[in-house]
Amino acid sequence: MSVVPERDAATVPGDSYLASHPVSAPVNRPARLGLVLGAVALVINPVLLAGAAAVVLSVVGLRRAVLMGHHGYPTVGRSHALIGLGLGILATIVSITLKNALI
């Protein structure tokens, strides 16, 4: 029967790097961009581009947040994605309504 000797952190390769370089928190950039574009689209929405981009980025961010949750990580950006999705849809509806009212 062989006994494997215990290793301290200094002798395990790679552990010293991890100890000196902490891992950053996960981020969800599409969710954050969807939120920002949704807010901007309420003010300025030329050719419905900002509203559509907010909706697409928010959906990507929401899917990424759900995927993070399935893999055991916190669902980072889920609320940003949901708010951005709502703002993007609202901005698109308002923009279509205002453009049709001007014609």
N, C-alpha and C. Protein backbone atom coordinates (compact mmCIF):
# COMPACT_ATOMS: atom_id res chain seq x y z
N MET A 1 0.85 -1.17 0.00
CA MET A 1 0.00 0.00 0.00
C MET A 1 0.90 1.24 0.00
N SER A 2 0.71 2.09 -0.96
CA SER A 2 1.56 3.29 -1.03
C SER A 2 0.82 4.48 -0.44
N VAL A 3 1.58 5.29 0.21
CA VAL A 3 1.02 6.49 0.84
C VAL A 3 1.48 7.70 0.04
N VAL A 4 0.53 8.51 -0.38
CA VAL A 4 0.87 9.71 -1.12
C VAL A 4 1.14 10.82 -0.11
N PRO A 5 2.32 11.43 -0.18
CA PRO A 5 2.61 12.49 0.80
C PRO A 5 1.76 13.72 0.53
N GLU A 6 1.38 14.37 1.59
CA GLU A 6 0.61 15.60 1.46
C GLU A 6 1.51 16.70 0.94
N ARG A 7 0.95 17.56 0.11
CA ARG A 7 1.71 18.68 -0.43
C ARG A 7 1.18 19.98 0.14
N ASP A 8 2.06 20.85 0.44
CA ASP A 8 1.60 22.17 0.85
C ASP A 8 1.46 23.03 -0.41
N ALA A 9 0.88 24.21 -0.27
CA ALA A 9 0.57 25.08 -1.41
C ALA A 9 1.82 25.50 -2.17
N ALA A 10 2.95 25.55 -1.51
CA ALA A 10 4.16 26.01 -2.17
C ALA A 10 4.73 24.96 -3.12
N THR A 11 4.42 23.67 -2.90
CA THR A 11 5.00 22.63 -3.74
C THR A 11 4.09 22.20 -4.88
N VAL A 12 2.84 22.57 -4.86
CA VAL A 12 1.92 22.19 -5.93
C VAL A 12 2.08 23.18 -7.07
N PRO A 13 2.42 22.71 -8.28
CA PRO A 13 2.59 23.63 -9.39
C PRO A 13 1.26 24.31 -9.74
N GLY A 14 1.32 25.58 -9.97
CA GLY A 14 0.13 26.32 -10.36
C GLY A 14 -0.61 26.96 -9.22
N ASP A 15 -0.52 26.40 -8.02
CA ASP A 15 -1.24 26.95 -6.88
C ASP A 15 -0.69 28.30 -6.45
N SER A 16 0.61 28.48 -6.58
CA SER A 16 1.19 29.76 -6.18
C SER A 16 0.70 30.88 -7.08
N TYR A 17 0.47 30.57 -8.36
CA TYR A 17 -0.06 31.58 -9.28
C TYR A 17 -1.48 31.96 -8.88
N LEU A 18 -2.29 30.96 -8.58
CA LEU A 18 -3.67 31.23 -8.19
C LEU A 18 -3.75 31.99 -6.88
N ALA A 19 -2.82 31.72 -5.98
CA ALA A 19 -2.84 32.42 -4.70
C ALA A 19 -2.45 33.88 -4.87
N SER A 20 -1.57 34.16 -5.81
CA SER A 20 -1.13 35.55 -5.99
C SER A 20 -1.99 36.33 -6.97
N HIS A 21 -2.82 35.66 -7.77
CA HIS A 21 -3.69 36.31 -8.74
C HIS A 21 -5.14 35.88 -8.48
N PRO A 22 -5.88 36.66 -7.74
CA PRO A 22 -7.26 36.26 -7.44
C PRO A 22 -8.13 36.26 -8.69
N VAL A 23 -9.10 35.39 -8.69
CA VAL A 23 -10.02 35.27 -9.82
C VAL A 23 -11.06 36.38 -9.71
N SER A 24 -11.31 37.06 -10.82
CA SER A 24 -12.28 38.15 -10.80
C SER A 24 -13.70 37.59 -10.85
N ALA A 25 -14.61 38.41 -10.44
CA ALA A 25 -16.02 38.02 -10.43
C ALA A 25 -16.52 37.91 -11.87
N PRO A 26 -17.45 37.00 -12.14
CA PRO A 26 -17.97 36.88 -13.51
C PRO A 26 -18.77 38.11 -13.89
N VAL A 27 -18.69 38.48 -15.15
CA VAL A 27 -19.42 39.63 -15.66
C VAL A 27 -20.29 39.18 -16.83
N ASN A 28 -21.32 39.96 -17.10
CA ASN A 28 -22.23 39.68 -18.20
C ASN A 28 -22.37 40.97 -19.00
N ARG A 29 -21.43 41.20 -19.90
CA ARG A 29 -21.41 42.45 -20.66
C ARG A 29 -22.62 42.62 -21.58
N PRO A 30 -23.12 41.58 -22.26
CA PRO A 30 -24.30 41.79 -23.10
C PRO A 30 -25.51 42.28 -22.31
N ALA A 31 -25.67 41.79 -21.09
CA ALA A 31 -26.80 42.23 -20.26
C ALA A 31 -26.65 43.71 -19.91
N ARG A 32 -25.44 44.11 -19.55
CA ARG A 32 -25.20 45.51 -19.18
C ARG A 32 -25.38 46.42 -20.40
N LEU A 33 -24.87 46.00 -21.56
CA LEU A 33 -25.03 46.80 -22.78
C LEU A 33 -26.50 46.89 -23.20
N GLY A 34 -27.24 45.80 -23.01
CA GLY A 34 -28.67 45.83 -23.31
C GLY A 34 -29.41 46.82 -22.44
N LEU A 35 -29.04 46.89 -21.17
CA LEU A 35 -29.66 47.85 -20.26
C LEU A 35 -29.34 49.29 -20.68
N VAL A 36 -28.08 49.55 -20.99
CA VAL A 36 -27.67 50.90 -21.40
C VAL A 36 -28.34 51.29 -22.71
N LEU A 37 -28.33 50.39 -23.69
CA LEU A 37 -28.97 50.71 -24.97
C LEU A 37 -30.48 50.86 -24.83
N GLY A 38 -31.09 50.11 -23.94
CA GLY A 38 -32.52 50.27 -23.70
C GLY A 38 -32.85 51.64 -23.14
N ALA A 39 -32.02 52.11 -22.22
CA ALA A 39 -32.23 53.45 -21.65
C ALA A 39 -31.97 54.53 -22.70
N VAL A 40 -30.93 54.35 -23.51
CA VAL A 40 -30.63 55.32 -24.56
C VAL A 40 -31.73 55.32 -25.62
N ALA A 41 -32.26 54.14 -25.93
CA ALA A 41 -33.29 54.03 -26.97
C ALA A 41 -34.57 54.76 -26.58
N LEU A 42 -34.84 54.91 -25.30
CA LEU A 42 -36.02 55.67 -24.90
C LEU A 42 -35.87 57.14 -25.25
N VAL A 43 -34.64 57.64 -25.23
CA VAL A 43 -34.40 59.05 -25.52
C VAL A 43 -34.14 59.26 -27.01
N ILE A 44 -33.24 58.46 -27.57
CA ILE A 44 -32.86 58.59 -28.98
C ILE A 44 -32.97 57.21 -29.61
N ASN A 45 -33.83 57.05 -30.60
CA ASN A 45 -34.00 55.76 -31.25
C ASN A 45 -34.11 55.95 -32.76
N PRO A 46 -33.00 56.30 -33.42
CA PRO A 46 -33.08 56.50 -34.87
C PRO A 46 -33.24 55.18 -35.61
N VAL A 47 -34.17 55.13 -36.47
CA VAL A 47 -34.43 53.99 -37.34
C VAL A 47 -34.61 52.69 -36.54
N LEU A 48 -35.07 52.78 -35.33
CA LEU A 48 -35.34 51.64 -34.45
C LEU A 48 -34.10 50.79 -34.16
N LEU A 49 -32.94 51.32 -34.48
CA LEU A 49 -31.72 50.53 -34.34
C LEU A 49 -31.34 50.31 -32.88
N ALA A 50 -31.40 51.34 -32.06
CA ALA A 50 -31.00 51.20 -30.66
C ALA A 50 -31.95 50.27 -29.90
N GLY A 51 -33.24 50.38 -30.17
CA GLY A 51 -34.21 49.51 -29.51
C GLY A 51 -34.03 48.05 -29.88
N ALA A 52 -33.81 47.80 -31.17
CA ALA A 52 -33.59 46.43 -31.63
C ALA A 52 -32.30 45.86 -31.06
N ALA A 53 -31.25 46.67 -31.03
CA ALA A 53 -29.97 46.21 -30.46
C ALA A 53 -30.12 45.93 -28.97
N ALA A 54 -30.89 46.76 -28.27
CA ALA A 54 -31.11 46.53 -26.84
C ALA A 54 -31.83 45.21 -26.60
N VAL A 55 -32.83 44.91 -27.44
CA VAL A 55 -33.57 43.66 -27.28
C VAL A 55 -32.66 42.46 -27.55
N VAL A 56 -31.87 42.53 -28.62
CA VAL A 56 -31.00 41.41 -28.97
C VAL A 56 -29.93 41.19 -27.89
N LEU A 57 -29.28 42.26 -27.46
CA LEU A 57 -28.24 42.12 -26.43
C LEU A 57 -28.82 41.66 -25.10
N SER A 58 -30.01 42.10 -24.77
CA SER A 58 -30.64 41.67 -23.52
C SER A 58 -30.99 40.20 -23.55
N VAL A 59 -31.45 39.71 -24.70
CA VAL A 59 -31.77 38.28 -24.82
C VAL A 59 -30.49 37.46 -24.71
N VAL A 60 -29.41 37.92 -25.35
CA VAL A 60 -28.12 37.21 -25.23
C VAL A 60 -27.64 37.22 -23.78
N GLY A 61 -27.76 38.37 -23.11
CA GLY A 61 -27.36 38.47 -21.72
C GLY A 61 -28.20 37.60 -20.80
N LEU A 62 -29.50 37.51 -21.09
CA LEU A 62 -30.38 36.68 -20.27
C LEU A 62 -30.04 35.20 -20.46
N ARG A 63 -29.76 34.81 -21.69
CA ARG A 63 -29.38 33.41 -21.94
C ARG A 63 -28.05 33.08 -21.25
N ARG A 64 -27.13 34.04 -21.26
CA ARG A 64 -25.84 33.83 -20.60
C ARG A 64 -26.03 33.71 -19.09
N ALA A 65 -26.92 34.52 -18.52
CA ALA A 65 -27.17 34.44 -17.08
C ALA A 65 -27.78 33.10 -16.70
N VAL A 66 -28.71 32.62 -17.52
CA VAL A 66 -29.33 31.32 -17.25
C VAL A 66 -28.29 30.21 -17.37
N LEU A 67 -27.40 30.32 -18.37
CA LEU A 67 -26.36 29.32 -18.55
C LEU A 67 -25.39 29.31 -17.36
N MET A 68 -25.09 30.50 -16.84
CA MET A 68 -24.24 30.57 -15.64
C MET A 68 -24.90 29.86 -14.47
N GLY A 69 -26.20 30.05 -14.33
CA GLY A 69 -26.93 29.39 -13.25
C GLY A 69 -26.93 27.89 -13.38
N HIS A 70 -27.03 27.39 -14.60
CA HIS A 70 -27.01 25.94 -14.81
C HIS A 70 -25.66 25.32 -14.48
N HIS A 71 -24.61 26.11 -14.61
CA HIS A 71 -23.27 25.59 -14.32
C HIS A 71 -22.82 25.88 -12.89
N GLY A 72 -23.73 26.37 -12.06
CA GLY A 72 -23.41 26.54 -10.65
C GLY A 72 -22.87 27.91 -10.27
N TYR A 73 -22.78 28.81 -11.22
CA TYR A 73 -22.32 30.16 -10.92
C TYR A 73 -23.51 31.05 -10.61
N PRO A 74 -23.29 32.19 -9.96
CA PRO A 74 -24.41 33.11 -9.74
C PRO A 74 -24.90 33.68 -11.07
N THR A 75 -26.19 33.92 -11.16
CA THR A 75 -26.78 34.43 -12.40
C THR A 75 -26.52 35.93 -12.50
N VAL A 76 -25.30 36.27 -12.89
CA VAL A 76 -24.87 37.66 -12.99
C VAL A 76 -25.54 38.32 -14.18
N GLY A 77 -26.14 39.48 -13.96
CA GLY A 77 -26.71 40.27 -15.04
C GLY A 77 -28.13 39.92 -15.41
N ARG A 78 -28.76 39.02 -14.69
CA ARG A 78 -30.12 38.62 -15.04
C ARG A 78 -31.08 39.80 -14.93
N SER A 79 -30.98 40.56 -13.86
CA SER A 79 -31.88 41.70 -13.68
C SER A 79 -31.57 42.79 -14.71
N HIS A 80 -30.28 43.01 -15.02
CA HIS A 80 -29.93 43.98 -16.06
C HIS A 80 -30.53 43.58 -17.39
N ALA A 81 -30.45 42.29 -17.71
CA ALA A 81 -30.98 41.81 -18.99
C ALA A 81 -32.49 41.96 -19.05
N LEU A 82 -33.18 41.64 -17.96
CA LEU A 82 -34.64 41.76 -17.97
C LEU A 82 -35.09 43.22 -18.09
N ILE A 83 -34.44 44.11 -17.37
CA ILE A 83 -34.79 45.53 -17.46
C ILE A 83 -34.44 46.06 -18.84
N GLY A 84 -33.28 45.68 -19.38
CA GLY A 84 -32.90 46.10 -20.73
C GLY A 84 -33.85 45.59 -21.78
N LEU A 85 -34.33 44.37 -21.62
CA LEU A 85 -35.31 43.81 -22.55
C LEU A 85 -36.61 44.60 -22.52
N GLY A 86 -37.07 44.89 -21.32
CA GLY A 86 -38.30 45.69 -21.19
C GLY A 86 -38.14 47.09 -21.77
N LEU A 87 -37.01 47.74 -21.48
CA LEU A 87 -36.78 49.08 -22.02
C LEU A 87 -36.64 49.06 -23.53
N GLY A 88 -35.97 48.05 -24.07
CA GLY A 88 -35.81 47.94 -25.52
C GLY A 88 -37.14 47.74 -26.23
N ILE A 89 -37.99 46.88 -25.67
CA ILE A 89 -39.31 46.66 -26.26
C ILE A 89 -40.16 47.91 -26.14
N LEU A 90 -40.13 48.55 -24.98
CA LEU A 90 -40.89 49.78 -24.79
C LEU A 90 -40.41 50.89 -25.73
N ALA A 91 -39.09 51.03 -25.88
CA ALA A 91 -38.55 52.05 -26.78
C ALA A 91 -38.93 51.79 -28.22
N THR A 92 -38.94 50.53 -28.63
CA THR A 92 -39.33 50.19 -29.99
C THR A 92 -40.80 50.50 -30.24
N ILE A 93 -41.65 50.16 -29.29
CA ILE A 93 -43.08 50.44 -29.43
C ILE A 93 -43.33 51.94 -29.47
N VAL A 94 -42.70 52.69 -28.57
CA VAL A 94 -42.88 54.14 -28.54
C VAL A 94 -42.38 54.76 -29.83
N SER A 95 -41.24 54.31 -30.33
CA SER A 95 -40.69 54.86 -31.56
C SER A 95 -41.59 54.58 -32.76
N ILE A 96 -42.11 53.36 -32.86
CA ILE A 96 -43.02 53.03 -33.96
C ILE A 96 -44.28 53.87 -33.86
N THR A 97 -44.81 54.02 -32.67
CA THR A 97 -46.04 54.80 -32.48
C THR A 97 -45.83 56.25 -32.84
N LEU A 98 -44.71 56.84 -32.40
CA LEU A 98 -44.44 58.23 -32.72
C LEU A 98 -44.17 58.45 -34.20
N LYS A 99 -43.49 57.54 -34.85
CA LYS A 99 -43.21 57.68 -36.27
C LYS A 99 -44.47 57.53 -37.09
N ASN A 100 -45.38 56.64 -36.69
CA ASN A 100 -46.64 56.51 -37.39
C ASN A 100 -47.55 57.70 -37.15
N ALA A 101 -47.45 58.34 -36.00
CA ALA A 101 -48.27 59.50 -35.69
C ALA A 101 -47.80 60.71 -36.50
N LEU A 102 -46.54 60.77 -36.86
CA LEU A 102 -46.02 61.89 -37.63
C LEU A 102 -46.29 61.77 -39.11
N ILE A 103 -46.62 60.57 -39.59
CA ILE A 103 -46.87 60.38 -41.02
C ILE A 103 -48.26 60.82 -41.40
